[in-house]
Amino acid sequence: MTLSPELAATVPLASITAALGLFHEMGLPFPPATCSKAILVWGGSTSVGQYAIQLAKAAGCFVITTASPARHAYLKELGADICFDYKNSNVVSQIKEVASNNLAYAIDCISENGSTAQVCATLT
């Protein structure tokens, strides 16, 4: 597959955004260190979300993500341990149940339509 220069120029933006968010802002350990905590990647099928899943998995985290069910199999191939349908009205409680007080990190790759409030609710 060949990308046009315009499309190729966007690749570093998503990867750098994910890397800075995870390693600089949240302080995830750099691979090959092993993270013993869970991370939530809200919007795992976005460009930043896909990089965040792979980077968090490389750091050893248990990766929880949200996306439409049609994307779940692909996100598991990228390294997600478990996927939730973001449209499910019980998604926050489902994530909290699976994380069982081990959720230490969360990144909101959507940041609209109430996603930030839902992400924050998983951490409380």
Protein backbone atom coordinates (compact mmCIF):
# COMPACT_ATOMS: atom_id res chain seq x y z
CA MET A 1 0.00 0.00 0.00
CA THR A 2 1.32 3.39 -0.96
CA LEU A 3 0.26 6.52 0.89
CA SER A 4 0.14 9.96 -0.59
CA PRO A 5 2.43 12.49 1.08
CA GLU A 6 -0.64 14.17 2.58
CA LEU A 7 -1.83 10.95 4.23
CA ALA A 8 1.66 9.88 5.25
CA ALA A 9 2.17 13.21 7.00
CA THR A 10 -0.58 12.35 9.48
CA VAL A 11 1.05 9.13 10.72
CA PRO A 12 3.52 10.79 13.11
CA LEU A 13 0.79 13.00 14.55
CA ALA A 14 -1.28 10.09 15.90
CA SER A 15 1.70 8.09 17.15
CA ILE A 16 3.35 11.08 18.85
CA THR A 17 0.05 12.11 20.46
CA ALA A 18 -0.42 8.62 21.89
CA ALA A 19 3.20 8.33 23.05
CA LEU A 20 3.27 11.74 24.73
CA GLY A 21 -0.04 11.11 26.44
CA LEU A 22 0.97 7.71 27.78
CA PHE A 23 4.63 8.09 28.63
CA HIS A 24 5.09 11.82 29.27
CA GLU A 25 1.76 12.88 30.76
CA MET A 26 0.66 9.66 32.50
CA GLY A 27 4.10 8.31 33.32
CA LEU A 28 3.64 4.79 31.96
CA PRO A 29 6.89 2.84 32.14
CA PHE A 30 8.80 2.60 28.88
CA PRO A 31 8.93 -0.85 27.29
CA PRO A 32 10.30 -3.36 28.13
CA ALA A 33 9.34 -2.40 31.70
CA THR A 34 6.23 -4.16 32.89
CA CYS A 35 3.21 -2.18 33.97
CA SER A 36 1.10 -4.11 36.47
CA LYS A 37 -1.95 -1.89 36.07
CA ALA A 38 -4.84 -1.58 33.65
CA ILE A 39 -5.36 1.26 31.21
CA LEU A 40 -8.56 2.39 29.53
CA VAL A 41 -8.27 3.59 25.94
CA TRP A 42 -11.61 5.28 25.23
CA GLY A 43 -12.02 5.32 21.47
CA GLY A 44 -9.64 2.51 20.62
CA SER A 45 -10.51 2.48 16.93
CA THR A 46 -9.38 6.09 16.40
CA SER A 47 -5.91 6.70 14.99
CA VAL A 48 -4.56 7.81 18.38
CA GLY A 49 -6.44 4.99 20.11
CA GLN A 50 -4.86 2.33 17.92
CA TYR A 51 -1.38 3.60 18.73
CA ALA A 52 -2.26 3.93 22.42
CA ILE A 53 -3.39 0.29 22.55
CA GLN A 54 -0.16 -0.93 21.00
CA LEU A 55 2.10 1.27 23.12
CA ALA A 56 0.29 0.43 26.36
CA LYS A 57 0.48 -3.27 25.55
CA ALA A 58 4.21 -2.93 24.84
CA ALA A 59 4.57 -1.34 28.28
CA GLY A 60 2.90 -4.42 29.78
CA CYS A 61 -0.47 -2.92 30.70
CA PHE A 62 -3.78 -4.76 30.72
CA VAL A 63 -5.57 -2.85 27.96
CA ILE A 64 -9.29 -2.10 28.15
CA THR A 65 -10.84 -0.21 25.25
CA THR A 66 -14.13 1.03 23.88
CA ALA A 67 -15.29 0.98 20.28
CA SER A 68 -18.18 -0.22 18.18
CA PRO A 69 -18.51 -4.03 18.24
CA ALA A 70 -17.50 -4.24 14.57
CA ARG A 71 -14.00 -3.05 15.58
CA HIS A 72 -13.46 -5.33 18.60
CA ALA A 73 -11.70 -8.19 16.77
CA TYR A 74 -9.26 -5.79 15.10
CA LEU A 75 -8.48 -4.01 18.37
CA LYS A 76 -7.75 -7.34 20.04
CA GLU A 77 -5.29 -8.06 17.22
CA LEU A 78 -3.57 -4.77 18.12
CA GLY A 79 -3.27 -5.82 21.76
CA ALA A 80 -6.50 -4.91 23.54
CA ASP A 81 -7.31 -7.43 26.24
CA ILE A 82 -11.00 -6.59 26.41
CA CYS A 83 -13.30 -4.36 24.38
CA PHE A 84 -16.57 -2.71 25.31
CA ASP A 85 -19.29 -1.14 23.21
CA TYR A 86 -19.14 2.57 24.01
CA LYS A 87 -22.86 2.90 23.19
CA ASN A 88 -23.88 0.45 25.94
CA SER A 89 -25.61 2.38 28.74
CA ASN A 90 -23.77 0.24 31.34
CA VAL A 91 -20.31 0.60 29.81
CA VAL A 92 -18.83 2.50 32.78
CA SER A 93 -19.97 -0.09 35.32
CA GLN A 94 -18.80 -2.92 33.04
CA ILE A 95 -15.33 -1.38 32.79
CA LYS A 96 -15.15 -0.82 36.55
CA GLU A 97 -16.15 -4.43 37.18
CA VAL A 98 -13.48 -5.82 34.86
CA ALA A 99 -10.79 -3.44 36.10
CA SER A 100 -11.63 -4.23 39.74
CA ASN A 101 -9.65 -1.35 41.26
CA ASN A 102 -6.64 -1.98 39.01
CA LEU A 103 -7.43 0.82 36.54
CA ALA A 104 -4.62 3.32 36.98
CA TYR A 105 -4.58 5.07 33.61
CA ALA A 106 -7.11 6.32 31.08
CA ILE A 107 -6.86 8.18 27.81
CA ASP A 108 -9.83 9.72 26.03
CA CYS A 109 -9.21 9.58 22.30
CA ILE A 110 -12.65 11.02 21.49
CA SER A 111 -13.09 14.00 23.84
CA GLU A 112 -16.64 14.86 22.81
CA ASN A 113 -20.25 13.85 23.42
CA GLY A 114 -19.63 13.21 27.10
CA SER A 115 -16.72 10.82 26.64
CA THR A 116 -14.52 12.69 29.10
CA ALA A 117 -17.14 12.38 31.85
CA GLN A 118 -17.47 8.66 31.16
CA VAL A 119 -13.71 8.16 31.28
CA CYS A 120 -13.50 10.05 34.58
CA ALA A 121 -16.35 7.96 35.99
CA THR A 122 -14.37 4.76 35.38
CA LEU A 123 -11.56 6.07 37.57
CA THR A 124 -13.70 6.89 40.62
